[in-house]
């Protein structure tokens, strides 16, 4: 008999300067990899958490995947060193059941 197949999905995000890459692969578990300047820092690390005697992250299913890019200045109400702070990031949000 053939082993049951698990649907896989892969998602990635990069830092605004493109030097840091984060990859998430979802199959039987949640796996993630991180590269800095195209050199692997972490490869296929697993992610799970135990809450109320239940392990989340085993046989996950992605409900939705959303990306967002933010590049703006925030005005500080009480400035210390500067009156504005640069906020720049790329976000990957995975909602799972």
N, C-alpha and C. Protein backbone atom coordinates (compact mmCIF):
# COMPACT_ATOMS: atom_id res chain seq x y z
N UNK A 1 0.84 -1.18 0.00
CA UNK A 1 0.00 0.00 0.00
C UNK A 1 0.88 1.24 0.00
N UNK A 2 0.40 2.25 -0.67
CA UNK A 2 1.12 3.51 -0.72
C UNK A 2 0.84 4.30 0.54
N UNK A 3 1.84 5.04 0.98
CA UNK A 3 1.66 5.89 2.17
C UNK A 3 0.76 7.06 1.81
N UNK A 4 -0.06 7.54 2.75
CA UNK A 4 -0.92 8.67 2.45
C UNK A 4 -0.10 9.91 2.15
N UNK A 5 -0.55 10.69 1.20
CA UNK A 5 0.17 11.90 0.84
C UNK A 5 -0.40 13.06 1.62
N UNK A 6 0.46 13.98 1.96
CA UNK A 6 0.07 15.17 2.69
C UNK A 6 0.26 16.36 1.77
N UNK A 7 -0.78 17.19 1.66
CA UNK A 7 -0.68 18.37 0.81
C UNK A 7 0.37 19.32 1.38
N UNK A 8 1.21 19.84 0.50
CA UNK A 8 2.26 20.75 0.93
C UNK A 8 2.00 22.14 0.37
N UNK A 9 2.39 23.14 1.13
CA UNK A 9 2.37 24.50 0.61
C UNK A 9 3.63 25.19 1.10
N UNK A 10 4.09 26.14 0.32
CA UNK A 10 5.32 26.84 0.64
C UNK A 10 5.09 28.34 0.50
N UNK A 11 5.63 29.11 1.44
CA UNK A 11 5.46 30.56 1.45
C UNK A 11 6.79 31.18 1.85
N UNK A 12 7.02 32.41 1.40
CA UNK A 12 8.27 33.06 1.76
C UNK A 12 8.07 34.56 1.90
N UNK A 13 9.01 35.18 2.63
CA UNK A 13 9.05 36.62 2.80
C UNK A 13 10.51 37.04 2.87
N UNK A 14 10.78 38.26 2.44
CA UNK A 14 12.14 38.80 2.49
C UNK A 14 12.13 40.11 3.27
N UNK A 15 13.27 40.42 3.85
CA UNK A 15 13.42 41.71 4.53
C UNK A 15 13.37 42.80 3.46
N UNK A 16 13.06 44.04 3.85
CA UNK A 16 12.98 45.12 2.86
C UNK A 16 14.24 45.30 2.02
N UNK A 17 15.42 45.03 2.60
CA UNK A 17 16.65 45.16 1.81
C UNK A 17 16.98 43.87 1.05
N UNK A 18 16.17 42.83 1.22
CA UNK A 18 16.34 41.58 0.47
C UNK A 18 17.43 40.67 0.99
N UNK A 19 18.07 41.01 2.09
CA UNK A 19 19.20 40.20 2.56
C UNK A 19 18.78 39.02 3.44
N UNK A 20 17.61 39.12 4.07
CA UNK A 20 17.13 38.03 4.93
C UNK A 20 15.90 37.41 4.27
N UNK A 21 15.91 36.09 4.12
CA UNK A 21 14.77 35.39 3.53
C UNK A 21 14.26 34.37 4.54
N UNK A 22 12.93 34.33 4.69
CA UNK A 22 12.26 33.42 5.60
C UNK A 22 11.32 32.56 4.77
N UNK A 23 11.46 31.25 4.83
CA UNK A 23 10.59 30.34 4.08
C UNK A 23 9.85 29.44 5.05
N UNK A 24 8.56 29.25 4.78
CA UNK A 24 7.73 28.36 5.59
C UNK A 24 7.17 27.29 4.67
N UNK A 25 7.34 26.04 5.07
CA UNK A 25 6.77 24.91 4.32
C UNK A 25 5.85 24.16 5.27
N UNK A 26 4.62 23.97 4.80
CA UNK A 26 3.62 23.28 5.62
C UNK A 26 3.28 21.97 4.95
N UNK A 27 3.50 20.88 5.68
CA UNK A 27 3.12 19.54 5.20
C UNK A 27 2.59 18.79 6.40
N UNK A 28 3.27 17.74 6.85
CA UNK A 28 2.85 17.03 8.05
C UNK A 28 3.08 17.86 9.30
N UNK A 29 4.01 18.82 9.23
CA UNK A 29 4.34 19.77 10.30
C UNK A 29 4.63 21.11 9.67
N UNK A 30 4.92 22.09 10.50
CA UNK A 30 5.33 23.40 10.01
C UNK A 30 6.86 23.45 10.06
N UNK A 31 7.48 23.66 8.90
CA UNK A 31 8.94 23.75 8.78
C UNK A 31 9.29 25.17 8.35
N UNK A 32 10.40 25.70 8.88
CA UNK A 32 10.83 27.02 8.43
C UNK A 32 12.34 27.03 8.24
N UNK A 33 12.76 27.89 7.31
CA UNK A 33 14.17 28.07 7.00
C UNK A 33 14.46 29.56 6.93
N UNK A 34 15.66 29.95 7.34
CA UNK A 34 16.08 31.34 7.31
C UNK A 34 17.45 31.41 6.64
N UNK A 35 17.58 32.33 5.69
CA UNK A 35 18.85 32.57 5.01
C UNK A 35 19.22 34.03 5.15
N UNK A 36 20.50 34.31 5.31
CA UNK A 36 21.01 35.67 5.36
C UNK A 36 22.04 35.81 4.25
N UNK A 37 21.81 36.75 3.36
CA UNK A 37 22.67 36.96 2.19
C UNK A 37 22.86 35.65 1.42
N UNK A 38 21.77 34.92 1.22
CA UNK A 38 21.72 33.64 0.50
C UNK A 38 22.52 32.52 1.15
N UNK A 39 22.91 32.69 2.40
CA UNK A 39 23.58 31.63 3.15
C UNK A 39 22.62 31.09 4.20
N UNK A 40 22.40 29.77 4.22
CA UNK A 40 21.45 29.19 5.18
C UNK A 40 21.87 29.42 6.63
N UNK A 41 20.93 29.89 7.43
CA UNK A 41 21.15 30.06 8.85
C UNK A 41 20.42 28.96 9.61
N UNK A 42 19.16 28.71 9.23
CA UNK A 42 18.36 27.60 9.74
C UNK A 42 17.74 26.89 8.55
N UNK A 43 17.66 25.58 8.60
CA UNK A 43 17.07 24.84 7.49
C UNK A 43 16.12 23.77 8.04
N UNK A 44 14.87 23.82 7.57
CA UNK A 44 13.83 22.85 7.93
C UNK A 44 13.68 22.65 9.44
N UNK A 45 13.69 23.74 10.19
CA UNK A 45 13.39 23.67 11.62
C UNK A 45 11.89 23.50 11.77
N UNK A 46 11.47 22.79 12.80
CA UNK A 46 10.04 22.56 12.99
C UNK A 46 9.48 23.51 14.03
N UNK A 47 8.19 23.73 13.92
CA UNK A 47 7.51 24.68 14.79
C UNK A 47 6.24 24.03 15.32
N UNK A 48 6.08 24.02 16.64
CA UNK A 48 4.85 23.54 17.27
C UNK A 48 4.80 24.12 18.68
N UNK A 49 3.62 24.07 19.28
CA UNK A 49 3.44 24.56 20.64
C UNK A 49 2.40 23.69 21.33
N UNK A 50 2.62 23.45 22.60
CA UNK A 50 1.69 22.63 23.38
C UNK A 50 0.85 23.56 24.26
N UNK A 51 -0.48 23.52 24.06
CA UNK A 51 -1.41 24.36 24.80
C UNK A 51 -2.55 23.48 25.31
N UNK A 52 -2.84 23.56 26.59
CA UNK A 52 -3.93 22.79 27.19
C UNK A 52 -3.88 21.32 26.79
N UNK A 53 -2.70 20.72 26.92
CA UNK A 53 -2.48 19.31 26.62
C UNK A 53 -2.78 18.93 25.16
N UNK A 54 -2.71 19.91 24.27
CA UNK A 54 -2.89 19.67 22.84
C UNK A 54 -1.71 20.30 22.11
N UNK A 55 -1.13 19.56 21.16
CA UNK A 55 0.01 20.07 20.41
C UNK A 55 -0.48 20.71 19.11
N UNK A 56 -0.25 22.00 18.99
CA UNK A 56 -0.61 22.73 17.78
C UNK A 56 0.59 22.74 16.84
N UNK A 57 0.37 22.48 15.58
CA UNK A 57 1.45 22.44 14.61
C UNK A 57 1.65 21.07 14.00
N UNK A 58 0.91 20.08 14.47
CA UNK A 58 0.96 18.74 13.87
C UNK A 58 -0.20 18.62 12.89
N UNK A 59 0.07 18.11 11.71
CA UNK A 59 -0.90 18.01 10.60
C UNK A 59 -1.67 19.32 10.42
N UNK A 60 -0.96 20.43 10.20
CA UNK A 60 -1.62 21.72 10.04
C UNK A 60 -2.26 21.87 8.66
N UNK A 61 -3.25 22.72 8.59
CA UNK A 61 -3.90 23.07 7.33
C UNK A 61 -3.99 24.59 7.27
N UNK A 62 -3.53 25.16 6.18
CA UNK A 62 -3.56 26.62 6.02
C UNK A 62 -4.94 27.06 5.57
N UNK A 63 -5.52 27.97 6.33
CA UNK A 63 -6.82 28.56 5.98
C UNK A 63 -6.62 29.73 5.01
N UNK A 64 -5.61 30.57 5.29
CA UNK A 64 -5.32 31.70 4.41
C UNK A 64 -3.87 32.13 4.57
N UNK A 65 -3.36 32.75 3.53
CA UNK A 65 -1.99 33.29 3.53
C UNK A 65 -2.07 34.72 3.00
N UNK A 66 -1.54 35.65 3.77
CA UNK A 66 -1.58 37.06 3.39
C UNK A 66 -0.20 37.66 3.55
N UNK A 67 0.16 38.52 2.62
CA UNK A 67 1.42 39.26 2.73
C UNK A 67 1.10 40.75 2.81
N UNK A 68 2.01 41.48 3.44
CA UNK A 68 1.84 42.92 3.59
C UNK A 68 3.21 43.56 3.63
N UNK A 69 3.33 44.72 2.99
CA UNK A 69 4.56 45.50 3.01
C UNK A 69 4.25 46.85 3.64
N UNK A 70 5.08 47.24 4.59
CA UNK A 70 4.92 48.53 5.25
C UNK A 70 6.23 49.30 5.10
N UNK A 71 6.12 50.56 4.70
CA UNK A 71 7.27 51.45 4.60
C UNK A 71 6.76 52.86 4.90
N UNK A 72 6.90 53.26 6.15
CA UNK A 72 6.34 54.55 6.56
C UNK A 72 7.15 55.12 7.72
N UNK A 73 6.86 56.39 8.00
CA UNK A 73 7.46 57.05 9.15
C UNK A 73 6.38 57.25 10.20
N UNK A 74 6.74 57.00 11.44
CA UNK A 74 5.81 57.20 12.54
C UNK A 74 6.27 58.43 13.31
N UNK A 75 5.33 59.32 13.56
CA UNK A 75 5.64 60.50 14.34
C UNK A 75 5.56 60.13 15.82
N UNK A 76 6.62 60.41 16.55
CA UNK A 76 6.70 60.05 17.96
C UNK A 76 6.03 61.14 18.79
N UNK A 77 5.07 60.78 19.65
CA UNK A 77 4.39 61.80 20.45
C UNK A 77 5.32 62.55 21.41
N UNK A 78 6.26 61.81 22.01
CA UNK A 78 7.24 62.44 22.90
C UNK A 78 8.62 62.07 22.38
N UNK A 79 9.19 62.91 21.50
CA UNK A 79 10.47 62.56 20.89
C UNK A 79 11.61 62.51 21.90
N UNK A 80 12.47 61.52 21.71
CA UNK A 80 13.65 61.39 22.57
C UNK A 80 14.89 61.74 21.75
N UNK A 81 15.21 60.90 20.77
CA UNK A 81 16.34 61.19 19.89
C UNK A 81 15.88 61.79 18.57
N UNK A 82 14.71 61.40 18.11
CA UNK A 82 14.19 61.97 16.87
C UNK A 82 12.67 62.04 16.96
N UNK A 83 12.09 62.89 16.15
CA UNK A 83 10.65 63.08 16.16
C UNK A 83 9.95 62.06 15.27
N UNK A 84 10.71 61.35 14.42
CA UNK A 84 10.13 60.36 13.51
C UNK A 84 10.94 59.07 13.56
N UNK A 85 10.23 57.96 13.40
CA UNK A 85 10.86 56.64 13.37
C UNK A 85 10.45 55.96 12.07
N UNK A 86 11.41 55.42 11.35
CA UNK A 86 11.14 54.69 10.11
C UNK A 86 10.68 53.29 10.46
N UNK A 87 9.55 52.88 9.89
CA UNK A 87 9.03 51.52 10.07
C UNK A 87 8.96 50.88 8.68
N UNK A 88 9.74 49.82 8.48
CA UNK A 88 9.78 49.15 7.19
C UNK A 88 9.89 47.65 7.41
N UNK A 89 8.91 46.89 6.88
CA UNK A 89 8.95 45.44 7.00
C UNK A 89 8.05 44.80 5.96
N UNK A 90 8.31 43.52 5.71
CA UNK A 90 7.45 42.67 4.89
C UNK A 90 6.89 41.62 5.82
N UNK A 91 5.60 41.39 5.75
CA UNK A 91 4.93 40.48 6.67
C UNK A 91 4.30 39.32 5.91
N UNK A 92 4.42 38.15 6.46
CA UNK A 92 3.73 36.95 5.96
C UNK A 92 2.87 36.44 7.10
N UNK A 93 1.57 36.40 6.87
CA UNK A 93 0.63 35.93 7.90
C UNK A 93 -0.07 34.68 7.39
N UNK A 94 0.13 33.58 8.13
CA UNK A 94 -0.51 32.31 7.80
C UNK A 94 -1.54 31.99 8.88
N UNK A 95 -2.77 31.83 8.49
CA UNK A 95 -3.81 31.42 9.43
C UNK A 95 -4.07 29.95 9.22
N UNK A 96 -4.00 29.20 10.32
CA UNK A 96 -4.14 27.74 10.25
C UNK A 96 -5.25 27.28 11.18
N UNK A 97 -5.79 26.10 10.87
CA UNK A 97 -6.79 25.54 11.79
C UNK A 97 -6.13 24.55 12.71
